[in-house]
Amino acid sequence: MATEQKASVRPHIFIQTNAKQSIGAIVSAYSLKRYSRHADEFDVTVMHQEDYPYFRAGEGRTYIRHGVKRTWRNDDLQSFTLLRFMPPELMDYRGRALVVDPDVFAVGDVWELLTRDMAGKAILCRRSAHKRNAFATSVMLLDCEKLKHWNVERGFNELLALKRDYDDWMSLRMEPPGTIGRIENEWNDFDRLTPKTRMVHNTRRRTQPWKTGLPVDYTPTEFVPVIGWLMRARRALFGDHGMLGRYARHPDPNQEHLFFGLLRECVESGLIAEAALRNAMANNYIRHDALDVIARVPPLQAMTAAA
C-alpha cells in the first residue's frame, strides 16, 4: 500500500456541514462506508459549523468574495465551507485526511483515494470546472503534516479584517502551486453520475435532489458581469434570499434515486431517526415529500449507475 502516513495514524475522512445540510452529511458519511471494502480501516467525522463560536461572532460582518463585499451570515446554506481547512488542526497536523462537502456521495471505494501515493504533495484535488487558476476544494486529500500553516480561526479573522479574499482562500490561490497535485474528476464528479464516477457531487445548489420545491436559501454568485450587478441590486432591495424562487428538480433521475436510496437505508438502519427527518422537513432543510420519495425510490442494488 503506497502511503506516506505513520502507521499509528489512521486515515480519516471529514465532512463539513451546518444544520441546513446535516442530513446530507450523514448520508455522505454512510455512503463512504457502504461502498468501501475497507470500511473498518478509516474513520469518518462530521464537522458542524455551529460548534465553532468564532463563526457566530462574525455574524453581520463584511468580507470580500471575488472582490465584492458580502455580509457573513451563519444561516446561509454554505456557511460551513471554511471547515474544509479544519482537518489538519483536528489531526494535530499528523497523518492523512480526506475532506468532502456534505453534498458529495460515494459510489466507489474511497480507500483507493485514501491510500494513494501523494508524490510529496500536500494537497490532492481536481481543478475547478468554472474558474480560472482555481482548484475545487470540495474534495481534498491532505497530508496534514505539510499543512501546519492552516488555522481556520486565524484565517477567518483575516477574512473579516479584509486581509484575504474568500475566493482566493477557497480556490487554493494562497497555497504554493508546487504543493498541489491532481486527482481524477471522477473523485469529485460535478452533477455527473456515470459508470466511471467514484464520488458524485451535487454541486449545483438549485437542483440538489433533497431541496426540490423549497424556497432558495443561498446567496448566488455576484462576480459575473451584468448578472452579478443584477444579483447585488436584488440583494440590496430584497435581502439575501429575496426573489430567488424555489429549488428545481435535479435533471438526472439517477442522482435523485441515489440520494434517496441512501437516505432510506440510513432511516432503516437507525442512522437517521424518522423524527429527525420530519424536523428537517419542517425547517425547510429537506423537501417536504422526502418520506414519500424514500418509500417509492428503487433499491440501490437495482441501480446499475451506483453498483
Protein backbone atom coordinates (compact mmCIF):
# COMPACT_ATOMS: atom_id res chain seq x y z
CA MET A 1 0.00 0.00 0.00
CA ALA A 2 1.54 3.29 -1.08
CA THR A 3 1.04 5.79 1.74
CA GLU A 4 3.16 8.44 3.42
CA GLN A 5 1.46 8.41 6.82
CA LYS A 6 2.73 6.91 10.04
CA ALA A 7 1.18 3.56 10.84
CA SER A 8 -0.16 4.87 14.16
CA VAL A 9 -2.42 7.45 12.47
CA ARG A 10 -5.49 6.00 10.76
CA PRO A 11 -6.77 7.68 7.60
CA HIS A 12 -9.62 9.96 8.49
CA ILE A 13 -12.45 11.45 6.40
CA PHE A 14 -14.03 14.73 7.48
CA ILE A 15 -17.38 16.00 6.22
CA GLN A 16 -18.18 19.65 6.89
CA THR A 17 -21.76 20.78 7.41
CA ASN A 18 -24.18 23.10 9.13
CA ALA A 19 -27.70 22.44 10.39
CA LYS A 20 -29.22 23.00 6.95
CA GLN A 21 -27.06 20.33 5.32
CA SER A 22 -26.76 17.93 8.27
CA ILE A 23 -28.99 15.24 6.72
CA GLY A 24 -26.84 15.26 3.60
CA ALA A 25 -23.69 14.97 5.73
CA ILE A 26 -24.98 11.81 7.43
CA VAL A 27 -25.94 10.32 4.07
CA SER A 28 -22.49 11.21 2.71
CA ALA A 29 -20.75 9.54 5.66
CA TYR A 30 -22.92 6.44 5.22
CA SER A 31 -22.13 6.22 1.50
CA LEU A 32 -18.36 6.34 2.12
CA LYS A 33 -18.56 3.30 4.38
CA ARG A 34 -21.23 1.49 2.34
CA TYR A 35 -19.21 1.38 -0.85
CA SER A 36 -15.81 0.57 0.65
CA ARG A 37 -14.35 -2.89 1.15
CA HIS A 38 -12.11 -1.34 3.82
CA ALA A 39 -14.77 0.42 5.88
CA ASP A 40 -13.19 -0.71 9.16
CA GLU A 41 -9.81 0.80 8.28
CA PHE A 42 -10.72 4.51 8.24
CA ASP A 43 -12.71 6.89 10.41
CA VAL A 44 -15.37 9.40 9.41
CA THR A 45 -16.17 12.57 11.36
CA VAL A 46 -18.86 15.16 10.61
CA MET A 47 -17.78 18.70 11.48
CA HIS A 48 -20.58 21.11 12.41
CA GLN A 49 -20.11 24.80 11.73
CA GLU A 50 -22.25 25.65 14.76
CA ASP A 51 -19.63 24.07 17.06
CA TYR A 52 -17.15 26.89 16.39
CA PRO A 53 -18.17 30.12 18.20
CA TYR A 54 -15.91 32.41 16.19
CA PHE A 55 -18.24 31.96 13.21
CA ARG A 56 -21.15 33.24 15.29
CA ALA A 57 -19.02 36.20 16.35
CA GLY A 58 -18.64 37.09 12.66
CA GLU A 59 -22.39 37.39 12.07
CA GLY A 60 -23.16 40.54 10.08
CA ARG A 61 -19.51 41.39 9.43
CA THR A 62 -18.25 42.34 5.99
CA TYR A 63 -15.88 40.16 3.97
CA ILE A 64 -14.72 40.12 0.35
CA ARG A 65 -15.51 37.42 -2.19
CA HIS A 66 -14.26 37.79 -5.75
CA GLY A 67 -13.55 41.41 -4.93
CA VAL A 68 -17.21 42.01 -3.99
CA LYS A 69 -18.21 42.95 -0.44
CA ARG A 70 -20.55 40.46 1.20
CA THR A 71 -22.06 40.02 4.67
CA TRP A 72 -21.23 36.93 6.71
CA ARG A 73 -24.44 35.05 7.51
CA ASN A 74 -24.35 31.92 9.63
CA ASP A 75 -27.75 30.83 8.33
CA ASP A 76 -26.55 30.72 4.70
CA LEU A 77 -26.76 27.30 3.08
CA GLN A 78 -22.96 27.15 2.70
CA SER A 79 -21.75 28.74 5.92
CA PHE A 80 -19.79 25.51 6.56
CA THR A 81 -17.35 25.89 3.66
CA LEU A 82 -14.37 27.23 5.64
CA LEU A 83 -14.35 23.98 7.62
CA ARG A 84 -12.72 22.45 4.55
CA PHE A 85 -9.46 23.72 6.03
CA MET A 86 -10.05 22.35 9.55
CA PRO A 87 -8.87 18.69 9.31
CA PRO A 88 -5.11 19.31 9.78
CA GLU A 89 -5.89 21.04 13.10
CA LEU A 90 -8.17 18.21 14.19
CA MET A 91 -5.50 15.66 13.24
CA ASP A 92 -2.87 17.56 15.27
CA TYR A 93 -1.09 18.06 11.92
CA ARG A 94 -0.37 14.35 11.61
CA GLY A 95 -1.40 11.66 9.16
CA ARG A 96 -3.68 11.78 6.15
CA ALA A 97 -7.18 13.22 5.88
CA LEU A 98 -9.79 13.42 3.18
CA VAL A 99 -12.24 16.31 3.41
CA VAL A 100 -15.53 16.34 1.49
CA ASP A 101 -18.61 18.52 1.27
CA PRO A 102 -21.95 17.26 2.65
CA ASP A 103 -23.38 17.04 -0.88
CA VAL A 104 -20.74 14.53 -2.05
CA PHE A 105 -21.76 10.85 -2.15
CA ALA A 106 -19.56 7.84 -2.77
CA VAL A 107 -20.44 5.25 -5.38
CA GLY A 108 -16.94 3.71 -5.43
CA ASP A 109 -14.37 2.58 -2.88
CA VAL A 110 -12.85 5.68 -1.24
CA TRP A 111 -9.99 3.53 0.09
CA GLU A 112 -8.41 3.78 -3.37
CA LEU A 113 -8.10 7.54 -2.89
CA LEU A 114 -7.23 7.46 0.81
CA THR A 115 -4.21 5.23 0.16
CA ARG A 116 -2.96 6.93 -2.99
CA ASP A 117 0.71 7.88 -3.35
CA MET A 118 0.67 11.67 -2.94
CA ALA A 119 4.15 12.01 -4.51
CA GLY A 120 5.24 14.52 -1.88
CA LYS A 121 2.29 16.89 -2.44
CA ALA A 122 0.45 18.47 0.49
CA ILE A 123 -2.93 18.51 -1.27
CA LEU A 124 -4.57 16.43 -3.98
CA CYS A 125 -7.78 17.72 -5.61
CA ARG A 126 -9.32 18.45 -9.01
CA ARG A 127 -9.33 21.68 -10.95
CA SER A 128 -12.36 23.93 -10.76
CA ALA A 129 -14.77 23.48 -13.65
CA HIS A 130 -15.73 27.15 -13.95
CA LYS A 131 -12.98 29.37 -12.51
CA ARG A 132 -9.54 30.07 -13.91
CA ASN A 133 -6.46 29.40 -11.80
CA ALA A 134 -8.60 27.67 -9.18
CA PHE A 135 -8.91 24.27 -7.55
CA ALA A 136 -12.09 22.60 -6.30
CA THR A 137 -11.62 22.25 -2.54
CA SER A 138 -14.90 20.39 -2.02
CA VAL A 139 -12.91 17.11 -2.11
CA MET A 140 -9.28 17.24 -0.95
CA LEU A 141 -6.78 14.61 0.13
CA LEU A 142 -4.46 16.21 2.68
CA ASP A 143 -1.04 15.41 4.10
CA CYS A 144 -1.70 17.14 7.42
CA GLU A 145 1.96 17.39 8.42
CA LYS A 146 2.59 19.60 5.40
CA LEU A 147 -0.28 21.98 6.25
CA LYS A 148 0.78 23.39 9.62
CA HIS A 149 0.07 26.90 8.33
CA TRP A 150 -3.66 26.11 8.12
CA ASN A 151 -5.66 27.56 11.02
CA VAL A 152 -9.30 28.31 10.37
CA GLU A 153 -9.92 30.80 13.19
CA ARG A 154 -6.87 32.86 12.21
CA GLY A 155 -7.88 32.74 8.55
CA PHE A 156 -11.48 33.72 9.38
CA ASN A 157 -10.27 36.71 11.38
CA GLU A 158 -8.12 37.78 8.42
CA LEU A 159 -11.15 37.39 6.17
CA LEU A 160 -13.22 39.71 8.37
CA ALA A 161 -10.29 42.14 8.55
CA LEU A 162 -10.42 42.24 4.71
CA LYS A 163 -6.87 40.89 4.54
CA ARG A 164 -7.81 37.94 2.33
CA ASP A 165 -10.42 37.27 -0.32
CA TYR A 166 -12.76 34.36 0.38
CA ASP A 167 -12.44 33.04 -3.16
CA ASP A 168 -8.63 33.12 -3.11
CA TRP A 169 -8.74 31.08 0.11
CA MET A 170 -11.33 28.62 -1.15
CA SER A 171 -9.62 28.15 -4.53
CA LEU A 172 -6.15 27.48 -3.01
CA ARG A 173 -4.61 30.53 -4.69
CA MET A 174 -2.84 31.26 -1.40
CA GLU A 175 -1.00 27.91 -1.50
CA PRO A 176 2.36 27.35 -3.24
CA PRO A 177 1.38 25.79 -6.61
CA GLY A 178 4.02 23.08 -6.34
CA THR A 179 2.33 21.66 -3.24
CA ILE A 180 -0.92 20.80 -5.06
CA GLY A 181 -1.44 17.64 -7.11
CA ARG A 182 -4.36 16.47 -9.22
CA ILE A 183 -6.95 13.75 -8.79
CA GLU A 184 -9.26 12.45 -11.50
CA ASN A 185 -12.52 14.35 -11.89
CA GLU A 186 -14.43 11.14 -11.10
CA TRP A 187 -13.49 11.56 -7.42
CA ASN A 188 -15.43 14.84 -7.40
CA ASP A 189 -17.85 14.45 -10.31
CA PHE A 190 -19.90 17.62 -10.61
CA ASP A 191 -23.55 16.60 -11.08
CA ARG A 192 -22.50 13.69 -13.26
CA LEU A 193 -23.14 10.04 -12.44
CA THR A 194 -21.56 7.58 -14.88
CA PRO A 195 -20.03 4.09 -14.58
CA LYS A 196 -16.66 5.84 -14.02
CA THR A 197 -17.89 8.09 -11.20
CA ARG A 198 -16.33 7.37 -7.80
CA MET A 199 -17.96 10.21 -5.85
CA VAL A 200 -20.79 12.32 -7.23
CA HIS A 201 -21.05 15.94 -6.12
CA ASN A 202 -24.44 17.66 -6.31
CA THR A 203 -22.69 20.98 -6.70
CA ARG A 204 -25.47 22.89 -8.48
CA ARG A 205 -27.23 24.21 -5.43
CA ARG A 206 -30.53 24.99 -7.18
CA THR A 207 -31.02 21.35 -8.20
CA GLN A 208 -29.84 19.48 -5.10
CA PRO A 209 -32.22 16.49 -5.02
CA TRP A 210 -33.23 16.82 -1.36
CA LYS A 211 -34.21 20.51 -1.71
CA THR A 212 -36.70 20.31 -4.60
CA GLY A 213 -39.61 22.73 -4.16
CA LEU A 214 -38.21 24.58 -1.13
CA PRO A 215 -37.51 28.34 -1.11
CA VAL A 216 -33.93 29.09 -2.19
CA ASP A 217 -31.78 29.86 0.88
CA TYR A 218 -28.33 30.53 -0.57
CA THR A 219 -26.76 33.73 -1.90
CA PRO A 220 -25.88 33.45 -5.60
CA THR A 221 -22.51 34.34 -7.07
CA GLU A 222 -22.19 38.07 -7.76
CA PHE A 223 -18.89 38.47 -9.60
CA VAL A 224 -20.15 37.56 -13.10
CA PRO A 225 -20.53 40.68 -15.32
CA VAL A 226 -24.09 42.05 -15.68
CA ILE A 227 -25.66 39.10 -13.83
CA GLY A 228 -23.53 39.92 -10.79
CA TRP A 229 -24.71 43.55 -10.84
CA LEU A 230 -28.33 42.41 -11.02
CA MET A 231 -27.80 39.97 -8.14
CA ARG A 232 -26.22 42.68 -5.99
CA ALA A 233 -29.14 45.01 -6.75
CA ARG A 234 -31.62 42.22 -5.89
CA ARG A 235 -29.84 41.58 -2.58
CA ALA A 236 -29.83 45.29 -1.69
CA LEU A 237 -33.55 45.64 -2.43
CA PHE A 238 -34.99 42.32 -1.22
CA GLY A 239 -32.44 40.79 1.17
CA ASP A 240 -30.04 37.85 0.86
CA HIS A 241 -32.59 35.35 -0.46
CA GLY A 242 -35.44 37.54 -1.68
CA MET A 243 -36.85 36.96 -5.19
CA LEU A 244 -34.75 33.83 -5.75
CA GLY A 245 -37.67 31.46 -6.22
CA ARG A 246 -37.58 27.77 -5.36
CA TYR A 247 -35.24 24.84 -5.80
CA ALA A 248 -35.75 22.89 -9.02
CA ARG A 249 -35.74 19.15 -9.55
CA HIS A 250 -32.40 17.60 -10.48
CA PRO A 251 -32.31 16.85 -14.23
CA ASP A 252 -30.80 13.37 -13.66
CA PRO A 253 -33.30 10.98 -12.01
CA ASN A 254 -30.48 8.56 -11.17
CA GLN A 255 -28.87 11.13 -8.88
CA GLU A 256 -32.17 11.71 -7.11
CA HIS A 257 -32.61 7.93 -6.78
CA LEU A 258 -29.08 7.58 -5.40
CA PHE A 259 -29.57 10.15 -2.66
CA PHE A 260 -32.98 8.91 -1.57
CA GLY A 261 -31.91 5.27 -1.80
CA LEU A 262 -29.05 6.05 0.58
CA LEU A 263 -31.37 8.10 2.79
CA ARG A 264 -33.84 5.23 3.02
CA GLU A 265 -31.06 2.89 4.16
CA CYS A 266 -29.98 5.47 6.75
CA VAL A 267 -33.54 5.63 8.12
CA GLU A 268 -33.99 1.85 8.05
CA SER A 269 -30.69 1.30 9.89
CA GLY A 270 -31.45 3.95 12.52
CA LEU A 271 -28.67 6.32 11.50
CA ILE A 272 -31.34 8.95 10.87
CA ALA A 273 -34.45 8.84 13.04
CA GLU A 274 -37.75 9.50 11.29
CA ALA A 275 -38.39 12.24 13.86
CA ALA A 276 -35.12 13.95 12.86
CA LEU A 277 -36.11 13.74 9.21
CA ARG A 278 -39.54 15.23 9.94
CA ASN A 279 -37.86 18.04 11.89
CA ALA A 280 -35.54 18.76 8.94
CA MET A 281 -38.58 18.87 6.66
CA ALA A 282 -40.37 21.28 9.00
CA ASN A 283 -37.32 23.57 8.97
CA ASN A 284 -37.09 23.52 5.16
CA TYR A 285 -33.74 21.73 5.29
CA ILE A 286 -35.07 18.90 3.17
CA ARG A 287 -38.03 18.66 0.79
CA HIS A 288 -41.42 18.10 2.40
CA ASP A 289 -42.19 14.92 0.48
CA ALA A 290 -38.94 13.20 1.50
CA LEU A 291 -40.69 10.31 3.27
CA ASP A 292 -42.87 9.69 0.23
CA VAL A 293 -39.82 9.71 -2.05
CA ILE A 294 -37.86 7.18 0.02
CA ALA A 295 -40.92 4.92 0.07
CA ARG A 296 -41.00 4.69 -3.72
CA VAL A 297 -37.33 5.02 -4.72
CA PRO A 298 -35.78 1.92 -6.37
CA PRO A 299 -33.49 -0.14 -4.11
CA LEU A 300 -29.83 0.76 -4.60
CA GLN A 301 -28.83 -2.76 -5.59
CA ALA A 302 -31.09 -2.42 -8.64
CA MET A 303 -29.31 0.73 -9.84
CA THR A 304 -26.51 -0.02 -12.29
CA ALA A 305 -25.10 3.53 -12.03
CA ALA A 306 -24.35 3.07 -8.33
CA ALA A 307 -23.27 -0.55 -8.45
